[in-house]
C-alpha atoms as a PDB file:
ATOM      1  CA  MET A   1      -3.337  57.589  60.184  1.00  0.00           C
ATOM      2  CA  ASP A   2      -0.529  57.143  58.065  1.00  0.00           C
ATOM      3  CA  VAL A   3       2.646  57.618  59.904  1.00  0.00           C
ATOM      4  CA  ALA A   4       4.745  57.509  56.710  1.00  0.00           C
ATOM      5  CA  ARG A   5       2.662  60.021  54.920  1.00  0.00           C
ATOM      6  CA  ALA A   6       2.887  62.344  57.894  1.00  0.00           C
ATOM      7  CA  LEU A   7       6.607  62.301  58.289  1.00  0.00           C
ATOM      8  CA  SER A   8       6.888  62.923  54.402  1.00  0.00           C
ATOM      9  CA  PHE A   9       4.813  66.124  55.148  1.00  0.00           C
ATOM     10  CA  LEU A  10       6.768  67.250  58.013  1.00  0.00           C
ATOM     11  CA  ASP A  11      10.193  66.359  55.905  1.00  0.00           C
ATOM     12  CA  THR A  12       8.700  68.805  53.240  1.00  0.00           C
ATOM     13  CA  HIS A  13       6.725  71.383  54.660  1.00  0.00           C
ATOM     14  CA  ALA A  14       7.446  71.465  58.612  1.00  0.00           C
ATOM     15  CA  ARG A  15      10.117  73.606  60.881  1.00  0.00           C
ATOM     16  CA  LEU A  16      13.245  71.734  62.369  1.00  0.00           C
ATOM     17  CA  LEU A  17      11.804  71.965  65.746  1.00  0.00           C
ATOM     18  CA  GLU A  18       8.446  70.124  64.690  1.00  0.00           C
ATOM     19  CA  ARG A  19      10.586  67.556  62.871  1.00  0.00           C
ATOM     20  CA  ARG A  20      13.037  66.870  65.655  1.00  0.00           C
ATOM     21  CA  LEU A  21       9.906  66.934  68.220  1.00  0.00           C
ATOM     22  CA  ALA A  22       8.239  64.274  66.041  1.00  0.00           C
ATOM     23  CA  ARG A  23      10.872  61.804  65.669  1.00  0.00           C
ATOM     24  CA  LEU A  24      11.527  61.817  69.448  1.00  0.00           C
ATOM     25  CA  TRP A  25       8.084  60.588  70.098  1.00  0.00           C
ATOM     26  CA  LEU A  26       8.388  57.891  67.445  1.00  0.00           C
ATOM     27  CA  ALA A  27      11.926  56.861  68.134  1.00  0.00           C
ATOM     28  CA  PRO A  28      12.954  58.695  71.478  1.00  0.00           C
ATOM     29  CA  ASP A  29      16.577  58.930  72.841  1.00  0.00           C
ATOM     30  CA  ALA A  30      18.236  61.385  74.680  1.00  0.00           C
ATOM     31  CA  ALA A  31      20.161  62.944  72.102  1.00  0.00           C
ATOM     32  CA  GLY A  32      16.958  63.615  70.209  1.00  0.00           C
ATOM     33  CA  ALA A  33      15.762  65.130  73.118  1.00  0.00           C
ATOM     34  CA  CYS A  34      18.649  67.611  73.651  1.00  0.00           C
ATOM     35  CA  ALA A  35      18.130  68.221  70.496  1.00  0.00           C
ATOM     36  CA  VAL A  36      14.656  69.795  70.677  1.00  0.00           C
ATOM     37  CA  VAL A  37      16.037  71.928  73.252  1.00  0.00           C
ATOM     38  CA  ASP A  38      18.887  73.320  71.385  1.00  0.00           C
ATOM     39  CA  VAL A  39      16.301  74.107  68.409  1.00  0.00           C
ATOM     40  CA  LEU A  40      14.367  76.202  70.814  1.00  0.00           C
ATOM     41  CA  ALA A  41      17.617  78.225  71.743  1.00  0.00           C
ATOM     42  CA  GLY A  42      17.533  79.501  68.354  1.00  0.00           C
ATOM     43  CA  TYR A  43      14.444  81.734  69.144  1.00  0.00           C
ATOM     44  CA  ARG A  44      16.049  83.471  72.053  1.00  0.00           C
ATOM     45  CA  ASN A  45      16.632  86.904  72.177  1.00  0.00           C
ATOM     46  CA  ALA A  46      19.457  88.997  73.938  1.00  0.00           C
ATOM     47  CA  ASP A  47      16.839  89.726  76.766  1.00  0.00           C
ATOM     48  CA  GLY A  48      16.724  85.840  77.621  1.00  0.00           C
ATOM     49  CA  GLY A  49      13.215  85.791  76.158  1.00  0.00           C
ATOM     50  CA  LEU A  50      11.956  84.209  73.112  1.00  0.00           C
ATOM     51  CA  GLY A  51      10.435  85.612  69.914  1.00  0.00           C
ATOM     52  CA  HIS A  52      10.805  85.584  65.860  1.00  0.00           C
ATOM     53  CA  ALA A  53       7.453  83.733  65.135  1.00  0.00           C
ATOM     54  CA  LEU A  54       8.328  80.805  67.737  1.00  0.00           C
ATOM     55  CA  GLU A  55       4.526  80.752  68.076  1.00  0.00           C
ATOM     56  CA  PRO A  56       3.708  81.262  64.194  1.00  0.00           C
ATOM     57  CA  ASP A  57       0.439  83.608  64.577  1.00  0.00           C
ATOM     58  CA  VAL A  58       2.962  86.352  65.968  1.00  0.00           C
ATOM     59  CA  ARG A  59       5.573  87.163  63.546  1.00  0.00           C
ATOM     60  CA  ALA A  60       7.487  89.691  65.523  1.00  0.00           C
ATOM     61  CA  PRO A  61      10.776  89.369  66.445  1.00  0.00           C
ATOM     62  CA  HIS A  62      11.121  90.786  69.739  1.00  0.00           C
ATOM     63  CA  SER A  63      10.656  88.552  72.934  1.00  0.00           C
ATOM     64  CA  GLN A  64       6.775  87.839  74.094  1.00  0.00           C
ATOM     65  CA  PRO A  65       5.467  85.946  77.212  1.00  0.00           C
ATOM     66  CA  LEU A  66       3.341  83.774  74.270  1.00  0.00           C
ATOM     67  CA  ALA A  67       6.687  82.822  72.530  1.00  0.00           C
ATOM     68  CA  VAL A  68       7.796  81.345  76.190  1.00  0.00           C
ATOM     69  CA  ASP A  69       4.536  79.848  77.061  1.00  0.00           C
ATOM     70  CA  PHE A  70       4.874  78.054  73.729  1.00  0.00           C
ATOM     71  CA  ALA A  71       8.249  76.640  74.298  1.00  0.00           C
ATOM     72  CA  LEU A  72       7.412  75.620  77.966  1.00  0.00           C
ATOM     73  CA  GLY A  73       5.020  73.408  75.938  1.00  0.00           C
ATOM     74  CA  VAL A  74       7.464  71.777  73.971  1.00  0.00           C
ATOM     75  CA  LEU A  75       9.713  71.448  77.244  1.00  0.00           C
ATOM     76  CA  THR A  76       6.740  69.759  78.896  1.00  0.00           C
ATOM     77  CA  GLN A  77       6.418  66.946  76.034  1.00  0.00           C
ATOM     78  CA  VAL A  78      10.357  66.276  76.310  1.00  0.00           C
ATOM     79  CA  LEU A  79       9.623  65.348  79.772  1.00  0.00           C
ATOM     80  CA  ASP A  80       6.649  63.611  79.133  1.00  0.00           C
ATOM     81  CA  SER A  81       8.533  61.371  76.337  1.00  0.00           C
ATOM     82  CA  PRO A  82       9.944  57.954  77.222  1.00  0.00           C
ATOM     83  CA  VAL A  83      13.165  59.702  77.717  1.00  0.00           C
ATOM     84  CA  GLY A  84      12.005  62.566  79.942  1.00  0.00           C
ATOM     85  CA  ASP A  85      13.282  60.928  83.259  1.00  0.00           C
ATOM     86  CA  ASP A  86      16.989  60.751  81.589  1.00  0.00           C
ATOM     87  CA  PRO A  87      19.048  62.776  83.960  1.00  0.00           C
ATOM     88  CA  VAL A  88      20.754  64.701  80.821  1.00  0.00           C
ATOM     89  CA  VAL A  89      17.610  65.568  79.522  1.00  0.00           C
ATOM     90  CA  ARG A  90      16.271  66.859  82.709  1.00  0.00           C
ATOM     91  CA  ARG A  91      19.446  69.013  83.226  1.00  0.00           C
ATOM     92  CA  LYS A  92      19.123  70.421  79.731  1.00  0.00           C
ATOM     93  CA  VAL A  93      15.178  71.187  80.112  1.00  0.00           C
ATOM     94  CA  ALA A  94      15.921  72.613  83.659  1.00  0.00           C
ATOM     95  CA  GLY A  95      18.888  75.007  82.471  1.00  0.00           C
ATOM     96  CA  PHE A  96      16.534  75.877  79.134  1.00  0.00           C
ATOM     97  CA  ALA A  97      13.600  76.938  81.595  1.00  0.00           C
ATOM     98  CA  GLU A  98      15.940  78.513  84.301  1.00  0.00           C
ATOM     99  CA  GLY A  99      17.128  80.902  81.808  1.00  0.00           C
ATOM    100  CA  LEU A 100      14.013  82.236  81.035  1.00  0.00           C
ATOM    101  CA  VAL A 101      13.064  83.575  84.552  1.00  0.00           C
ATOM    102  CA  PRO A 102      14.960  87.051  84.078  1.00  0.00           C
ATOM    103  CA  TYR A 103      12.749  87.843  80.999  1.00  0.00           C
ATOM    104  CA  LEU A 104       9.666  86.887  82.786  1.00  0.00           C
ATOM    105  CA  GLU A 105      10.632  88.899  85.865  1.00  0.00           C
ATOM    106  CA  SER A 106      10.941  92.290  83.253  1.00  0.00           C
ATOM    107  CA  VAL A 107       7.452  91.602  81.704  1.00  0.00           C
ATOM    108  CA  THR A 108       5.718  90.967  85.149  1.00  0.00           C
ATOM    109  CA  SER A 109       2.937  93.088  86.324  1.00  0.00           C
ATOM    110  CA  PRO A 110       2.970  94.744  89.450  1.00  0.00           C
ATOM    111  CA  GLU A 111       0.286  92.304  90.893  1.00  0.00           C
ATOM    112  CA  GLY A 112       2.710  89.481  89.707  1.00  0.00           C
ATOM    113  CA  GLY A 113       1.119  88.115  86.274  1.00  0.00           C
ATOM    114  CA  LEU A 114       2.112  88.084  82.860  1.00  0.00           C
ATOM    115  CA  PRO A 115      -0.010  89.410  79.439  1.00  0.00           C
ATOM    116  CA  ILE A 116      -0.100  86.579  76.998  1.00  0.00           C
ATOM    117  CA  VAL A 117       1.445  89.141  74.487  1.00  0.00           C
ATOM    118  CA  LEU A 118       2.637  92.608  74.493  1.00  0.00           C
ATOM    119  CA  PRO A 119       1.779  95.830  72.264  1.00  0.00           C
ATOM    120  CA  ASP A 120       4.732  95.646  70.045  1.00  0.00           C
ATOM    121  CA  ILE A 121       3.382  92.843  68.295  1.00  0.00           C
ATOM    122  CA  ALA A 122       1.368  95.407  66.437  1.00  0.00           C
ATOM    123  CA  ASP A 123       4.566  96.497  64.705  1.00  0.00           C
ATOM    124  CA  HIS A 124       4.507  92.842  62.645  1.00  0.00           C
ATOM    125  CA  ALA A 125       2.177  90.513  60.979  1.00  0.00           C
ATOM    126  CA  ARG A 126      -0.022  88.756  63.390  1.00  0.00           C
ATOM    127  CA  ALA A 127      -3.517  86.640  63.559  1.00  0.00           C
ATOM    128  CA  ASP A 128      -6.344  88.754  63.968  1.00  0.00           C
ATOM    129  CA  HIS A 129      -7.344  87.428  67.084  1.00  0.00           C
ATOM    130  CA  TRP A 130      -4.155  88.981  68.537  1.00  0.00           C
ATOM    131  CA  GLY A 131      -5.682  92.537  67.440  1.00  0.00           C
ATOM    132  CA  ASP A 132      -3.456  95.574  68.804  1.00  0.00           C
ATOM    133  CA  GLY A 133      -1.361  93.265  71.288  1.00  0.00           C
ATOM    134  CA  ARG A 134      -2.992  95.198  74.545  1.00  0.00           C
ATOM    135  CA  PHE A 135      -3.621  92.627  77.013  1.00  0.00           C
ATOM    136  CA  PRO A 136      -4.146  92.483  80.583  1.00  0.00           C
ATOM    137  CA  ALA A 137      -2.071  90.029  82.728  1.00  0.00           C
ATOM    138  CA  GLY A 138      -4.094  86.978  83.330  1.00  0.00           C
ATOM    139  CA  LEU A 139      -4.277  83.322  84.101  1.00  0.00           C
ATOM    140  CA  ASN A 140      -3.678  82.816  80.335  1.00  0.00           C
ATOM    141  CA  PRO A 141      -0.513  82.569  80.551  1.00  0.00           C
ATOM    142  CA  THR A 142       0.375  83.041  83.965  1.00  0.00           C
ATOM    143  CA  ALA A 143      -0.850  79.599  85.502  1.00  0.00           C
ATOM    144  CA  GLY A 144       0.432  77.723  82.513  1.00  0.00           C
ATOM    145  CA  ILE A 145       3.899  78.969  82.733  1.00  0.00           C
ATOM    146  CA  VAL A 146       4.204  78.793  86.230  1.00  0.00           C
ATOM    147  CA  ALA A 147       3.228  75.039  86.198  1.00  0.00           C
ATOM    148  CA  ALA A 148       5.396  73.878  83.255  1.00  0.00           C
ATOM    149  CA  LEU A 149       8.523  75.711  85.174  1.00  0.00           C
ATOM    150  CA  ARG A 150       7.801  73.502  88.362  1.00  0.00           C
ATOM    151  CA  ALA A 151       7.519  70.789  86.490  1.00  0.00           C
ATOM    152  CA  ALA A 152      10.823  71.597  84.705  1.00  0.00           C
ATOM    153  CA  GLY A 153      12.268  71.815  88.442  1.00  0.00           C
ATOM    154  CA  VAL A 154      12.782  75.798  88.539  1.00  0.00           C
ATOM    155  CA  ALA A 155      11.775  77.693  91.805  1.00  0.00           C
ATOM    156  CA  GLY A 156      12.523  81.099  92.842  1.00  0.00           C
ATOM    157  CA  PRO A 157      11.231  84.480  94.334  1.00  0.00           C
ATOM    158  CA  TRP A 158       9.409  85.016  90.820  1.00  0.00           C
ATOM    159  CA  LEU A 159       8.126  82.132  90.703  1.00  0.00           C
ATOM    160  CA  ASP A 160       6.290  82.565  94.196  1.00  0.00           C
ATOM    161  CA  ALA A 161       5.085  85.814  93.401  1.00  0.00           C
ATOM    162  CA  ALA A 162       3.337  84.761  89.858  1.00  0.00           C
ATOM    163  CA  ASP A 163       2.179  81.451  92.302  1.00  0.00           C
ATOM    164  CA  ALA A 164       0.388  83.915  94.377  1.00  0.00           C
ATOM    165  CA  PHE A 165      -1.096  85.854  91.757  1.00  0.00           C
ATOM    166  CA  CYS A 166      -2.408  82.711  90.417  1.00  0.00           C
ATOM    167  CA  ARG A 167      -4.048  81.623  93.530  1.00  0.00           C
ATOM    168  CA  ALA A 168      -5.661  84.921  93.987  1.00  0.00           C
ATOM    169  CA  ARG A 169      -7.203  85.187  90.544  1.00  0.00           C
ATOM    170  CA  ILE A 170      -8.170  81.462  90.776  1.00  0.00           C
ATOM    171  CA  SER A 171      -9.854  82.265  94.064  1.00  0.00           C
ATOM    172  CA  SER A 172     -12.145  85.110  92.822  1.00  0.00           C
ATOM    173  CA  LEU A 173     -12.854  83.055  89.237  1.00  0.00           C
ATOM    174  CA  SER A 174     -16.674  83.474  88.635  1.00  0.00           C
ATOM    175  CA  GLY A 175     -19.349  82.943  85.652  1.00  0.00           C
ATOM    176  CA  ALA A 176     -18.161  81.654  82.225  1.00  0.00           C
ATOM    177  CA  VAL A 177     -14.261  80.401  81.824  1.00  0.00           C
ATOM    178  CA  ASP A 178     -12.875  79.867  78.429  1.00  0.00           C
ATOM    179  CA  ALA A 179     -11.323  77.046  77.753  1.00  0.00           C
ATOM    180  CA  HIS A 180      -7.866  78.248  77.202  1.00  0.00           C
ATOM    181  CA  THR A 181      -7.805  80.054  81.121  1.00  0.00           C
ATOM    182  CA  ALA A 182      -9.208  76.508  81.905  1.00  0.00           C
ATOM    183  CA  LEU A 183      -6.451  74.545  80.539  1.00  0.00           C
ATOM    184  CA  ASN A 184      -3.607  76.892  82.318  1.00  0.00           C
ATOM    185  CA  VAL A 185      -5.746  76.809  85.391  1.00  0.00           C
ATOM    186  CA  LEU A 186      -5.721  73.073  85.532  1.00  0.00           C
ATOM    187  CA  ARG A 187      -2.183  72.699  84.803  1.00  0.00           C
ATOM    188  CA  PHE A 188      -1.705  75.147  87.885  1.00  0.00           C
ATOM    189  CA  LEU A 189      -3.908  73.452  90.284  1.00  0.00           C
ATOM    190  CA  ALA A 190      -2.379  69.706  88.827  1.00  0.00           C
ATOM    191  CA  THR A 191       1.330  70.875  90.008  1.00  0.00           C
ATOM    192  CA  THR A 192       0.671  72.937  93.049  1.00  0.00           C
ATOM    193  CA  PRO A 193       2.112  71.570  96.372  1.00  0.00           C
ATOM    194  CA  ASP A 194      -0.873  72.704  98.357  1.00  0.00           C
ATOM    195  CA  ARG A 195      -3.282  69.974  97.428  1.00  0.00           C
ATOM    196  CA  GLU A 196      -6.035  71.095  99.791  1.00  0.00           C
ATOM    197  CA  TRP A 197      -6.342  74.090  98.034  1.00  0.00           C
ATOM    198  CA  ALA A 198      -6.215  72.603  94.540  1.00  0.00           C
ATOM    199  CA  ALA A 199      -9.190  70.457  95.819  1.00  0.00           C
ATOM    200  CA  ARG A 200     -11.201  73.320  96.481  1.00  0.00           C
ATOM    201  CA  HIS A 201     -10.804  75.052  93.104  1.00  0.00           C
ATOM    202  CA  GLY A 202     -11.709  72.851  90.557  1.00  0.00           C
ATOM    203  CA  LEU A 203     -13.399  73.697  87.363  1.00  0.00           C
ATOM    204  CA  ALA A 204     -16.677  72.291  85.592  1.00  0.00           C
ATOM    205  CA  VAL A 205     -14.819  71.109  82.475  1.00  0.00           C
ATOM    206  CA  PRO A 206     -18.183  70.711  80.490  1.00  0.00           C
ATOM    207  CA  ASP A 207     -19.102  74.000  81.166  1.00  0.00           C
ATOM    208  CA  LEU A 208     -16.402  76.069  79.269  1.00  0.00           C
ATOM    209  CA  THR A 209     -16.397  78.302  76.611  1.00  0.00           C
ATOM    210  CA  LEU A 210     -14.510  77.971  73.428  1.00  0.00           C
ATOM    211  CA  PHE A 211     -14.471  73.814  74.145  1.00  0.00           C
ATOM    212  CA  HIS A 212     -15.655  70.506  72.819  1.00  0.00           C
ATOM    213  CA  LEU A 213     -16.242  67.905  74.754  1.00  0.00           C
ATOM    214  CA  TYR A 214     -17.158  65.953  71.814  1.00  0.00           C
ATOM    215  CA  PRO A 215     -16.152  66.611  68.131  1.00  0.00           C
ATOM    216  CA  GLY A 216     -17.838  69.658  66.820  1.00  0.00           C
ATOM    217  CA  ASP A 217     -17.724  72.281  64.177  1.00  0.00           C
ATOM    218  CA  GLY A 218     -15.326  75.478  64.648  1.00  0.00           C
ATOM    219  CA  TYR A 219     -12.626  76.296  66.523  1.00  0.00           C
ATOM    220  CA  GLY A 220     -12.429  74.878  70.434  1.00  0.00           C
ATOM    221  CA  LEU A 221     -10.145  73.078  72.099  1.00  0.00           C
ATOM    222  CA  THR A 222     -10.987  69.203  73.411  1.00  0.00           C
ATOM    223  CA  PRO A 223      -9.953  66.617  75.889  1.00  0.00           C
ATOM    224  CA  LEU A 224      -6.841  65.760  74.122  1.00  0.00           C
ATOM    225  CA  ASP A 225      -5.760  69.606  74.734  1.00  0.00           C
ATOM    226  CA  PHE A 226      -6.161  69.044  78.313  1.00  0.00           C
ATOM    227  CA  ALA A 227      -4.934  65.659  78.791  1.00  0.00           C
ATOM    228  CA  PRO A 228      -2.766  64.260  75.947  1.00  0.00           C
ATOM    229  CA  LEU A 229      -1.415  61.186  77.614  1.00  0.00           C
ATOM    230  CA  PRO A 230      -3.429  58.429  78.886  1.00  0.00           C
ATOM    231  CA  THR A 231      -1.471  58.421  82.018  1.00  0.00           C
ATOM    232  CA  ASP A 232      -2.351  62.255  82.000  1.00  0.00           C
ATOM    233  CA  PRO A 233      -4.174  63.281  85.756  1.00  0.00           C
ATOM    234  CA  LEU A 234      -6.692  65.339  83.688  1.00  0.00           C
ATOM    235  CA  ARG A 235      -7.603  62.681  81.774  1.00  0.00           C
ATOM    236  CA  ALA A 236     -10.250  61.262  84.574  1.00  0.00           C
ATOM    237  CA  LEU A 237     -12.057  65.126  83.978  1.00  0.00           C
ATOM    238  CA  PHE A 238     -13.409  63.389  80.608  1.00  0.00           C
ATOM    239  CA  PRO A 239     -15.747  60.589  79.701  1.00  0.00           C
ATOM    240  CA  ALA A 240     -13.961  57.273  78.013  1.00  0.00           C
ATOM    241  CA  ASP A 241     -16.049  57.853  74.704  1.00  0.00           C
ATOM    242  CA  ALA A 242     -15.530  61.749  74.287  1.00  0.00           C
ATOM    243  CA  VAL A 243     -11.647  61.027  74.111  1.00  0.00           C
ATOM    244  CA  THR A 244     -12.244  57.825  71.710  1.00  0.00           C
ATOM    245  CA  ALA A 245     -14.259  60.373  69.727  1.00  0.00           C
ATOM    246  CA  HIS A 246     -11.921  62.920  69.307  1.00  0.00           C
ATOM    247  CA  LEU A 247      -9.042  60.590  68.668  1.00  0.00           C
ATOM    248  CA  ALA A 248     -11.273  58.950  65.757  1.00  0.00           C
ATOM    249  CA  ALA A 249     -12.030  62.568  64.476  1.00  0.00           C
ATOM    250  CA  LEU A 250      -8.291  63.335  64.056  1.00  0.00           C
ATOM    251  CA  SER A 251      -7.478  59.967  62.299  1.00  0.00           C
ATOM    252  CA  ALA A 252      -9.518  60.667  59.652  1.00  0.00           C
ATOM    253  CA  ALA A 253      -8.629  64.660  59.472  1.00  0.00           C
ATOM    254  CA  GLN A 254      -5.484  63.846  57.697  1.00  0.00           C
ATOM    255  CA  LEU A 255      -5.494  64.999  54.371  1.00  0.00           C
ATOM    256  CA  ASP A 256      -4.035  63.597  50.964  1.00  0.00           C
ATOM    257  CA  ASP A 257      -0.474  65.487  51.267  1.00  0.00           C
ATOM    258  CA  GLY A 258       0.050  63.648  54.637  1.00  0.00           C
ATOM    259  CA  GLY A 259      -0.452  66.480  56.926  1.00  0.00           C
ATOM    260  CA  TRP A 260      -3.351  67.879  59.080  1.00  0.00           C
ATOM    261  CA  PRO A 261      -5.577  71.173  58.245  1.00  0.00           C
ATOM    262  CA  VAL A 262      -5.316  74.185  61.053  1.00  0.00           C
ATOM    263  CA  PRO A 263      -8.812  75.605  62.267  1.00  0.00           C
ATOM    264  CA  TRP A 264      -8.305  79.192  61.725  1.00  0.00           C
ATOM    265  CA  THR A 265      -6.674  81.671  59.495  1.00  0.00           C
ATOM    266  CA  PRO A 266      -2.712  82.264  60.447  1.00  0.00           C
ATOM    267  CA  PRO A 267      -1.180  85.383  59.268  1.00  0.00           C
ATOM    268  CA  GLY A 268       0.267  84.412  55.801  1.00  0.00           C
ATOM    269  CA  PRO A 269       1.646  81.488  53.981  1.00  0.00           C
ATOM    270  CA  ALA A 270       4.985  81.007  56.412  1.00  0.00           C
ATOM    271  CA  SER A 271       2.437  80.596  59.232  1.00  0.00           C
ATOM    272  CA  LEU A 272       0.004  78.461  57.437  1.00  0.00           C
ATOM    273  CA  LEU A 273       2.642  75.694  56.953  1.00  0.00           C
ATOM    274  CA  GLU A 274       4.499  76.320  60.426  1.00  0.00           C
ATOM    275  CA  TRP A 275       1.111  75.498  62.185  1.00  0.00           C
ATOM    276  CA  ARG A 276       0.553  72.774  59.751  1.00  0.00           C
ATOM    277  CA  GLY A 277       3.977  71.415  60.966  1.00  0.00           C
ATOM    278  CA  VAL A 278       2.909  71.990  64.601  1.00  0.00           C
ATOM    279  CA  VAL A 279      -0.532  70.091  64.347  1.00  0.00           C
ATOM    280  CA  THR A 280       0.814  67.180  62.201  1.00  0.00           C
ATOM    281  CA  THR A 281       3.417  66.825  65.327  1.00  0.00           C
ATOM    282  CA  THR A 282       0.673  66.760  67.440  1.00  0.00           C
ATOM    283  CA  ALA A 283      -1.591  64.338  65.553  1.00  0.00           C
ATOM    284  CA  LEU A 284       1.339  61.929  65.313  1.00  0.00           C
ATOM    285  CA  ARG A 285       2.009  62.221  68.997  1.00  0.00           C
ATOM    286  CA  LEU A 286      -1.505  61.655  70.248  1.00  0.00           C
ATOM    287  CA  LEU A 287      -2.383  58.880  67.645  1.00  0.00           C
ATOM    288  CA  THR A 288       0.741  57.132  68.686  1.00  0.00           C
ATOM    289  CA  THR A 289       0.588  57.117  72.435  1.00  0.00           C
ATOM    290  CA  ASN A 290      -3.202  56.599  72.945  1.00  0.00           C
ATOM    291  CA  PRO A 291      -4.240  52.845  72.500  1.00  0.00           C
END
């Protein structure tokens, strides 16, 4: 990997969010971590949720659970960074995360779960895989959102109800599970205080759909999506040579312009550039934090 070319790509192609996030990992400081959270605030709507194509495949300005899920992934990176334990950073992250709860309450199903997107995305450009925007409440994204809010220090009645929804759905899982659902479930299991219950509900990761244990063709999540850092407890689920193989493939995938490609078709040139900024920032973080 050529770090200088990657940074040049981000400077000329990426959003401010990814430019700040990349530099947080390369030159961490508390002010930079807080600045990442400040950038996320620009995507907030009056209802307390987030929209405006924060997740680049959905161009709707309205708030979406998907955008909250994306933002919480950014906050998780801030907390995982070398300055994530700084008290100022933790307060900043906790305050932002707590402010998302009223919006989540407003779009929660009677059973206590969240859909990944809402039907009003159909009024705007979106990637083909989002269809008409009609999705039932599910573990993706509810379990991942609960896990990320826990990690940020959030508690309260909404989280308790969503926790109960997730536990019931996880207890009834059967058959093939897609990698996106599994990622949400495993993050939930890793953060639940009930360790005995979590130990009884693991998943057979190599059997997942939309998953590449070793580098392969086509779209799919990888061990690096589940456990990006060497210290991540989920790293123990994967053979060391699988992680090494994916890191080597990732390093080799850098393009001549310094960025990384996107293995799906975003809904337009702005979305493509935004996603390339996201995946390039991700590649920088993975390749500079893994030996």
